[in-house]
Amino acid sequence: MPGKSQPAERRFPFDAFLSHNSKNKPEVSKLKARLVATGLKIWLDEDELRPGTSVQKSLEAGIKASKSIVVVVGADGVGPWEDKEIRGALQLVVKDERPIIPVLLPGCPEEPELPLFLSDLKWVDLRAGLADAGINQLRWGITGKKISGSSDEDKTNDVGVSTTEPPPPPPPPPPLNNI
């Protein structure tokens, strides 16, 4: 049969590679901790770059070893190394359709300047903080499995606390007949 055959699903040592501007390191470390707490394996340079090895080769290996790429954008925009990581990741998107997930951190402008090939992707908005709804959205992007309770309608305040209205209480049971 002509055409490309579908390879068996590839196993990746990491669920996601966190691409980020080094100026956002504290927020990115917190994001990694939240994702790891949900059971995901996350590649972050500060944990994976071995002293004495090539930074560029290690970053390339980390991207190739990750099922998805998370591009974190904060107040300072995309950093120089992050730009190179994005370019490498875009090749994998074309080659084997790995997701690239833009994530907006607190301080990111209302209209973020994303690289051209990321601008049409659905992003995860964490500008209000690392609220559960945003983490669930990101986890969905990474795993492809939607977590119940994660919707675009969820709202969070500036400290990351959900402000979505709770559902109304159930109606009271019917009165018992007195005998």
Foldseek 3Di string as FASTA:
>chain_A
DDDDDDDDDDAAPFLEEEQEAVVCVVVVVVLVVVLVVVVGGYDDCVVFPDPPDDPVVSLLVRLVRHQAYEYEQALVGHHPVSVVSVVSNVVCCVVPNRYYEYEYDANADPDHDDPPVCVPPDHQYQNLHDAPLSSQVVVCSSPVDHDPPRDPPWDAHNHRHTPPDDDDDDDDDDDDDDD
